[in-house]
Amino acid sequence: MENVSFTAPRAALKIIATGVALPENCVTSRELDNRLGKKPGYVEKRAGIARRYHAGAQESQAELGARALHDALAHAALPAESVDLVICASAIAVQALPCTAVHIMKAARLPAGVAGFDVNSSCVSFIAALDVAAGLLNTGAYRCIAIVSSDLASRGIDWSHEEASLIFGDGAACAIVEKGDGRSGIIASLSETYPAGSTLCEIRAGGTRRNPRSGMEDTDFLFHMQGKALFRQAASLIEGYFARLLARSGMTLADIATLVPHQASHLALEHMRKRLNVPETVLVDIYRDYGNQVSASIPTALHKAMTSGRCIPGQPLMLMGTAAGLTFAGMVLLP
């Protein structure tokens, strides 16, 4: 791509470091073939994944998030005392109360008095948190914000549901952001929610709707997905959404140097390549080695892009994904 000068960001934001963390247990698709009683090669062919990571019984979502936070700090050579706000951008909480940010901060041994709260928009929580962080940085309320996404999808897998049992992996990722000098930041962001899809992707228990007093079943704590219906709804809307996001940014697809999508499934990524005409050289695809890491998916892919030289300073970067709801979220930034 030629070195083109773009409009100044509407909200200053500088990603100064990213970091990731994975559970110790790597699960290959061959191992899942054995677990599910399938022929060798079945899971990899069906799901498009070679390996993913699942947390062991003693591994903690908060500790995984803390490891990602410290990895980001190490990449930037920053002391933990530099962070004055932690935003947890995870799809599933450690527990109902207090918020998951508190658990991550405790596991990370951050200094007492640092602020923390959660932002939850399921798989696109990281994009929502970036928008919130940019607003807070530009008001001067905070100077250095750590956004942490950590999800243990394996804890909610219904192994009797083949479609959902094949695609998920666990992981955590963190981005540390500051206001910067204004040359980098958010050019445009767009979030759209279509509540007609609210039952297509859900975990029913854990809130006030399904609990021991209102009546529930054990399976209400497991992940439920109507994959075909969800894909149809998303596919019918994504082209229009993508056009609106680009229009808001004042750019065309040819202007985007790097596109970091939610790693939802191999079918979703292939749909993006073909229907949206996103070149493979632009699209960041790590799905084969990590699976769908829920909220950690986008920031993990962003970390891979930033540490491999695929994010070019001064060249537009797009983040985009779909989430339960059904929600679309996207953002165009100058890194």
Protein backbone atom coordinates (compact mmCIF):
# COMPACT_ATOMS: atom_id res chain seq x y z
CA MET A 1 0.00 0.00 0.00
CA GLU A 2 1.22 3.50 -0.81
CA ASN A 3 1.98 5.87 2.06
CA VAL A 4 -1.22 7.94 2.02
CA SER A 5 -2.11 10.77 4.40
CA PHE A 6 -5.46 10.19 6.10
CA THR A 7 -7.80 12.45 8.05
CA ALA A 8 -6.77 13.02 11.65
CA PRO A 9 -8.45 10.67 14.15
CA ARG A 10 -11.63 11.93 15.79
CA ALA A 11 -10.43 10.50 19.13
CA ALA A 12 -6.77 10.33 20.07
CA LEU A 13 -5.71 6.86 21.22
CA LYS A 14 -2.32 5.16 21.16
CA ILE A 15 -1.96 1.40 21.64
CA ILE A 16 1.41 1.34 23.33
CA ALA A 17 1.58 -2.40 23.99
CA THR A 18 -0.30 -5.67 23.72
CA GLY A 19 0.09 -8.99 25.47
CA VAL A 20 -1.45 -12.46 25.51
CA ALA A 21 -1.73 -15.51 27.74
CA LEU A 22 -2.80 -19.08 27.07
CA PRO A 23 -3.62 -22.04 29.29
CA GLU A 24 -0.96 -24.73 29.47
CA ASN A 25 -3.17 -27.42 27.93
CA CYS A 26 -3.06 -27.52 24.12
CA VAL A 27 -5.87 -29.67 22.71
CA THR A 28 -5.36 -30.94 19.17
CA SER A 29 -8.22 -31.80 16.87
CA ARG A 30 -6.95 -35.38 16.82
CA GLU A 31 -7.46 -35.52 20.60
CA LEU A 32 -11.00 -34.23 20.15
CA ASP A 33 -11.59 -36.91 17.50
CA ASN A 34 -10.84 -39.49 20.20
CA ARG A 35 -12.89 -37.72 22.87
CA LEU A 36 -15.95 -37.40 20.65
CA GLY A 37 -15.62 -40.83 19.09
CA LYS A 38 -14.98 -39.50 15.58
CA LYS A 39 -12.77 -40.80 12.80
CA PRO A 40 -9.24 -39.28 12.61
CA GLY A 41 -9.34 -35.92 10.84
CA TYR A 42 -13.07 -35.34 11.41
CA VAL A 43 -12.80 -32.39 13.81
CA GLU A 44 -10.13 -30.55 11.85
CA LYS A 45 -12.05 -30.92 8.60
CA ARG A 46 -15.36 -29.89 10.17
CA ALA A 47 -14.10 -27.04 12.37
CA GLY A 48 -11.03 -25.86 10.44
CA ILE A 49 -8.88 -25.92 13.60
CA ALA A 50 -5.65 -27.82 14.20
CA ARG A 51 -5.32 -26.95 17.89
CA ARG A 52 -6.81 -24.79 20.65
CA TYR A 53 -6.14 -24.28 24.38
CA HIS A 54 -8.41 -25.36 27.22
CA ALA A 55 -7.82 -24.38 30.85
CA GLY A 56 -7.29 -27.09 33.43
CA ALA A 57 -9.48 -27.44 36.51
CA GLN A 58 -7.09 -25.38 38.64
CA GLU A 59 -6.54 -22.57 36.13
CA SER A 60 -8.30 -19.27 36.74
CA GLN A 61 -9.84 -16.81 34.32
CA ALA A 62 -8.59 -13.92 36.47
CA GLU A 63 -5.05 -15.28 36.63
CA LEU A 64 -5.02 -15.77 32.86
CA GLY A 65 -6.11 -12.15 32.41
CA ALA A 66 -3.44 -11.01 34.87
CA ARG A 67 -0.78 -12.87 32.89
CA ALA A 68 -1.88 -11.11 29.69
CA LEU A 69 -1.76 -7.74 31.47
CA HIS A 70 1.77 -8.37 32.73
CA ASP A 71 2.82 -9.58 29.26
CA ALA A 72 1.63 -6.26 27.80
CA LEU A 73 3.45 -4.31 30.51
CA ALA A 74 6.62 -6.25 29.74
CA HIS A 75 6.35 -5.53 26.01
CA ALA A 76 6.21 -1.79 26.79
CA ALA A 77 8.76 -1.96 29.65
CA LEU A 78 6.13 -0.28 31.86
CA PRO A 79 5.78 -0.70 35.63
CA ALA A 80 2.38 -1.82 36.90
CA GLU A 81 2.08 1.53 38.70
CA SER A 82 1.66 3.22 35.30
CA VAL A 83 -1.86 1.82 34.90
CA ASP A 84 -4.58 3.96 36.49
CA LEU A 85 -7.61 2.09 35.09
CA VAL A 86 -8.34 -1.52 34.20
CA ILE A 87 -11.28 -2.25 31.91
CA CYS A 88 -12.23 -5.92 31.76
CA ALA A 89 -13.74 -6.63 28.34
CA SER A 90 -14.79 -10.25 28.76
CA ALA A 91 -17.96 -12.02 27.64
CA ILE A 92 -18.36 -14.18 30.75
CA ALA A 93 -17.75 -12.93 34.28
CA VAL A 94 -15.74 -14.73 36.94
CA GLN A 95 -18.84 -14.39 39.14
CA ALA A 96 -21.95 -12.22 39.31
CA LEU A 97 -20.43 -9.75 41.81
CA PRO A 98 -17.98 -8.08 42.06
CA CYS A 99 -16.96 -7.29 38.50
CA THR A 100 -14.28 -9.36 36.79
CA ALA A 101 -11.89 -6.40 36.58
CA VAL A 102 -11.53 -6.61 40.36
CA HIS A 103 -10.54 -10.27 40.16
CA ILE A 104 -7.97 -9.59 37.43
CA MET A 105 -6.51 -6.64 39.35
CA LYS A 106 -6.19 -8.78 42.48
CA ALA A 107 -4.50 -11.59 40.56
CA ALA A 108 -2.18 -9.08 38.88
CA ARG A 109 -1.29 -7.54 42.26
CA LEU A 110 -1.92 -4.02 41.03
CA PRO A 111 -1.58 -1.21 43.56
CA ALA A 112 -4.62 -0.50 45.73
CA GLY A 113 -6.77 2.38 44.52
CA VAL A 114 -6.45 1.73 40.78
CA ALA A 115 -9.88 2.00 39.15
CA GLY A 116 -11.53 -0.97 37.48
CA PHE A 117 -14.82 -1.90 35.83
CA ASP A 118 -16.28 -4.23 33.20
CA VAL A 119 -17.55 -3.62 29.66
CA ASN A 120 -19.47 -6.54 28.19
CA SER A 121 -20.57 -6.84 24.59
CA SER A 122 -19.85 -10.56 24.27
CA CYS A 123 -17.32 -11.37 21.54
CA VAL A 124 -16.86 -7.70 20.57
CA SER A 125 -16.29 -6.45 24.12
CA PHE A 126 -12.74 -5.36 23.28
CA ILE A 127 -13.96 -2.98 20.57
CA ALA A 128 -16.56 -1.49 22.93
CA ALA A 129 -13.89 -1.07 25.63
CA LEU A 130 -11.55 0.72 23.21
CA ASP A 131 -14.32 3.22 22.47
CA VAL A 132 -14.92 3.78 26.19
CA ALA A 133 -11.18 4.09 26.88
CA ALA A 134 -10.74 6.69 24.14
CA GLY A 135 -13.51 8.82 25.62
CA LEU A 136 -12.00 8.67 29.10
CA LEU A 137 -8.47 9.42 27.88
CA ASN A 138 -9.66 12.40 25.87
CA THR A 139 -11.44 13.91 28.87
CA GLY A 140 -8.24 13.60 30.89
CA ALA A 141 -9.91 11.34 33.46
CA TYR A 142 -7.18 8.70 33.06
CA ARG A 143 -3.70 8.56 31.56
CA CYS A 144 -2.95 4.87 31.03
CA ILE A 145 -5.65 2.22 30.63
CA ALA A 146 -5.24 -1.56 30.46
CA ILE A 147 -8.02 -3.34 28.54
CA VAL A 148 -8.10 -7.05 29.38
CA SER A 149 -10.20 -9.71 27.67
CA SER A 150 -10.14 -13.15 29.28
CA ASP A 151 -12.53 -16.00 28.58
CA LEU A 152 -12.61 -19.70 29.43
CA ALA A 153 -15.06 -20.92 26.82
CA SER A 154 -14.23 -24.54 27.62
CA ARG A 155 -16.02 -24.22 30.99
CA GLY A 156 -19.35 -23.73 29.22
CA ILE A 157 -19.12 -26.22 26.36
CA ASP A 158 -22.03 -28.59 25.92
CA TRP A 159 -20.19 -31.64 24.60
CA SER A 160 -23.43 -33.14 23.33
CA HIS A 161 -23.75 -30.21 20.91
CA GLU A 162 -21.26 -30.95 18.16
CA GLU A 163 -21.28 -27.55 16.48
CA ALA A 164 -20.33 -25.65 19.62
CA SER A 165 -17.97 -28.26 21.05
CA LEU A 166 -15.53 -28.08 18.13
CA ILE A 167 -14.75 -24.39 17.73
CA PHE A 168 -13.90 -22.82 21.10
CA GLY A 169 -10.58 -22.17 22.77
CA ASP A 170 -9.55 -20.34 25.95
CA GLY A 171 -7.25 -17.36 26.19
CA ALA A 172 -6.62 -13.83 27.36
CA ALA A 173 -5.23 -10.69 25.77
CA CYS A 174 -4.49 -7.15 26.90
CA ALA A 175 -3.92 -3.81 25.22
CA ILE A 176 -2.46 -0.85 27.09
CA VAL A 177 -3.60 2.48 25.70
CA GLU A 178 -2.77 6.14 26.25
CA LYS A 179 -4.00 9.34 24.62
CA GLY A 180 -0.77 9.79 22.69
CA ASP A 181 0.08 12.83 20.60
CA GLY A 182 -3.08 12.78 18.48
CA ARG A 183 -1.49 11.36 15.33
CA SER A 184 -2.89 7.91 16.13
CA GLY A 185 -6.41 7.09 17.24
CA ILE A 186 -9.96 6.18 16.28
CA ILE A 187 -11.16 7.42 12.90
CA ALA A 188 -14.58 5.79 13.11
CA SER A 189 -16.50 3.20 15.10
CA LEU A 190 -19.91 1.65 14.63
CA SER A 191 -21.97 -0.75 16.74
CA GLU A 192 -25.35 -2.15 15.71
CA THR A 193 -27.55 -4.62 17.61
CA TYR A 194 -30.40 -6.74 16.22
CA PRO A 195 -32.35 -8.15 19.23
CA ALA A 196 -34.28 -10.59 17.03
CA GLY A 197 -31.16 -12.75 17.35
CA SER A 198 -31.08 -12.67 21.15
CA THR A 199 -31.84 -16.39 21.56
CA LEU A 200 -29.47 -17.62 18.85
CA CYS A 201 -26.36 -17.46 21.02
CA GLU A 202 -26.79 -17.51 24.80
CA ILE A 203 -26.01 -18.79 28.28
CA ARG A 204 -29.33 -18.58 30.10
CA ALA A 205 -28.31 -18.88 33.76
CA GLY A 206 -26.12 -16.69 35.95
CA GLY A 207 -28.40 -13.68 36.19
CA THR A 208 -31.85 -12.84 37.49
CA ARG A 209 -33.71 -14.70 34.72
CA ARG A 210 -32.56 -18.25 35.46
CA ASN A 211 -31.39 -18.98 39.00
CA PRO A 212 -32.12 -21.51 41.78
CA ARG A 213 -35.14 -19.53 42.99
CA SER A 214 -36.75 -18.98 39.60
CA GLY A 215 -36.17 -22.53 38.42
CA MET A 216 -33.45 -23.73 36.10
CA GLU A 217 -31.63 -26.76 34.77
CA ASP A 218 -27.91 -27.51 34.89
CA THR A 219 -27.72 -27.07 31.11
CA ASP A 220 -28.79 -23.44 31.51
CA PHE A 221 -25.20 -22.74 32.58
CA LEU A 222 -23.87 -24.12 29.29
CA PHE A 223 -23.42 -22.32 25.99
CA HIS A 224 -26.29 -22.69 23.52
CA MET A 225 -25.98 -21.74 19.86
CA GLN A 226 -28.30 -22.10 16.89
CA GLY A 227 -25.40 -21.93 14.47
CA LYS A 228 -27.19 -22.10 11.13
CA ALA A 229 -29.80 -19.51 12.08
CA LEU A 230 -27.12 -17.25 13.56
CA PHE A 231 -24.97 -17.50 10.45
CA ARG A 232 -27.96 -16.74 8.20
CA GLN A 233 -28.86 -13.62 10.17
CA ALA A 234 -25.27 -12.38 10.30
CA ALA A 235 -24.69 -13.12 6.61
CA SER A 236 -27.81 -11.20 5.61
CA LEU A 237 -26.64 -8.09 7.45
CA ILE A 238 -22.86 -8.00 7.29
CA GLU A 239 -22.43 -6.46 3.84
CA GLY A 240 -24.64 -3.49 4.68
CA TYR A 241 -22.93 -3.08 8.05
CA PHE A 242 -19.47 -3.22 6.48
CA ALA A 243 -20.44 -0.55 3.94
CA ARG A 244 -21.77 1.72 6.71
CA LEU A 245 -18.58 1.33 8.77
CA LEU A 246 -16.41 2.19 5.77
CA ALA A 247 -18.66 5.15 4.90
CA ARG A 248 -18.38 6.47 8.44
CA SER A 249 -14.59 6.31 8.16
CA GLY A 250 -14.58 8.05 4.77
CA MET A 251 -12.54 5.19 3.31
CA THR A 252 -12.84 2.26 0.96
CA LEU A 253 -11.68 -1.30 1.53
CA ALA A 254 -8.61 -0.53 -0.60
CA ASP A 255 -7.53 2.00 2.05
CA ILE A 256 -7.53 -0.57 4.87
CA ALA A 257 -4.03 -1.98 5.41
CA THR A 258 -4.98 -4.58 8.02
CA LEU A 259 -8.33 -6.08 9.04
CA VAL A 260 -8.47 -7.89 12.38
CA PRO A 261 -11.76 -9.79 12.64
CA HIS A 262 -13.33 -11.81 15.41
CA GLN A 263 -12.16 -15.39 14.80
CA ALA A 264 -15.72 -16.75 14.98
CA SER A 265 -15.33 -19.78 12.72
CA HIS A 266 -13.59 -20.83 9.53
CA LEU A 267 -16.90 -20.36 7.68
CA ALA A 268 -17.27 -16.80 8.98
CA LEU A 269 -13.72 -15.92 7.93
CA GLU A 270 -14.21 -17.48 4.50
CA HIS A 271 -17.47 -15.54 4.13
CA MET A 272 -15.55 -12.33 4.90
CA ARG A 273 -12.92 -13.13 2.28
CA LYS A 274 -15.45 -13.93 -0.45
CA ARG A 275 -18.53 -11.79 0.22
CA LEU A 276 -16.68 -8.70 1.44
CA ASN A 277 -13.76 -9.23 -0.96
CA VAL A 278 -11.15 -8.85 1.78
CA PRO A 279 -7.73 -9.91 0.43
CA GLU A 280 -5.88 -12.60 2.37
CA THR A 281 -2.92 -10.22 2.65
CA VAL A 282 -5.14 -7.79 4.60
CA LEU A 283 -7.13 -10.26 6.75
CA VAL A 284 -5.54 -11.50 10.00
CA ASP A 285 -6.54 -15.14 10.45
CA ILE A 286 -5.25 -17.03 13.52
CA TYR A 287 -8.30 -19.26 13.88
CA ARG A 288 -6.58 -22.52 12.91
CA ASP A 289 -4.25 -22.38 15.93
CA TYR A 290 -6.53 -20.83 18.57
CA GLY A 291 -10.16 -21.40 17.62
CA ASN A 292 -12.83 -18.97 18.77
CA GLN A 293 -11.58 -17.38 22.01
CA VAL A 294 -14.76 -15.33 22.51
CA SER A 295 -13.82 -11.82 23.76
CA ALA A 296 -10.08 -12.62 23.68
CA SER A 297 -10.28 -13.45 19.97
CA ILE A 298 -9.96 -9.92 18.55
CA PRO A 299 -7.22 -8.64 20.91
CA THR A 300 -5.22 -11.87 20.49
CA ALA A 301 -5.35 -11.48 16.71
CA LEU A 302 -4.44 -7.79 17.14
CA HIS A 303 -1.42 -8.78 19.24
CA LYS A 304 -0.30 -11.24 16.55
CA ALA A 305 -0.67 -8.53 13.91
CA MET A 306 1.20 -5.91 15.92
CA THR A 307 4.07 -8.16 16.93
CA SER A 308 4.52 -9.59 13.42
CA GLY A 309 4.73 -6.24 11.64
CA ARG A 310 1.32 -6.47 10.01
CA CYS A 311 0.09 -3.28 11.72
CA ILE A 312 1.76 -0.40 9.91
CA PRO A 313 2.07 2.97 11.70
CA GLY A 314 0.04 5.57 9.85
CA GLN A 315 -1.91 3.00 7.82
CA PRO A 316 -5.57 2.26 8.65
CA LEU A 317 -6.34 -0.77 10.80
CA MET A 318 -9.87 -2.16 11.08
CA LEU A 319 -11.26 -4.27 13.93
CA MET A 320 -14.58 -5.98 13.26
CA GLY A 321 -16.74 -8.75 14.63
CA THR A 322 -20.14 -10.18 15.41
CA ALA A 323 -21.38 -11.17 18.84
CA ALA A 324 -24.35 -12.52 20.74
CA GLY A 325 -27.28 -10.18 20.56
CA LEU A 326 -26.94 -10.20 17.50
CA THR A 327 -24.38 -7.38 17.63
CA PHE A 328 -21.96 -6.04 15.04
CA ALA A 329 -19.06 -3.85 16.13
CA GLY A 330 -16.21 -2.35 14.17
CA MET A 331 -13.58 0.33 14.41
CA VAL A 332 -11.09 1.98 12.05
CA LEU A 333 -7.93 3.25 13.69
CA LEU A 334 -4.57 4.74 12.83
CA PRO A 335 -2.12 2.71 14.95
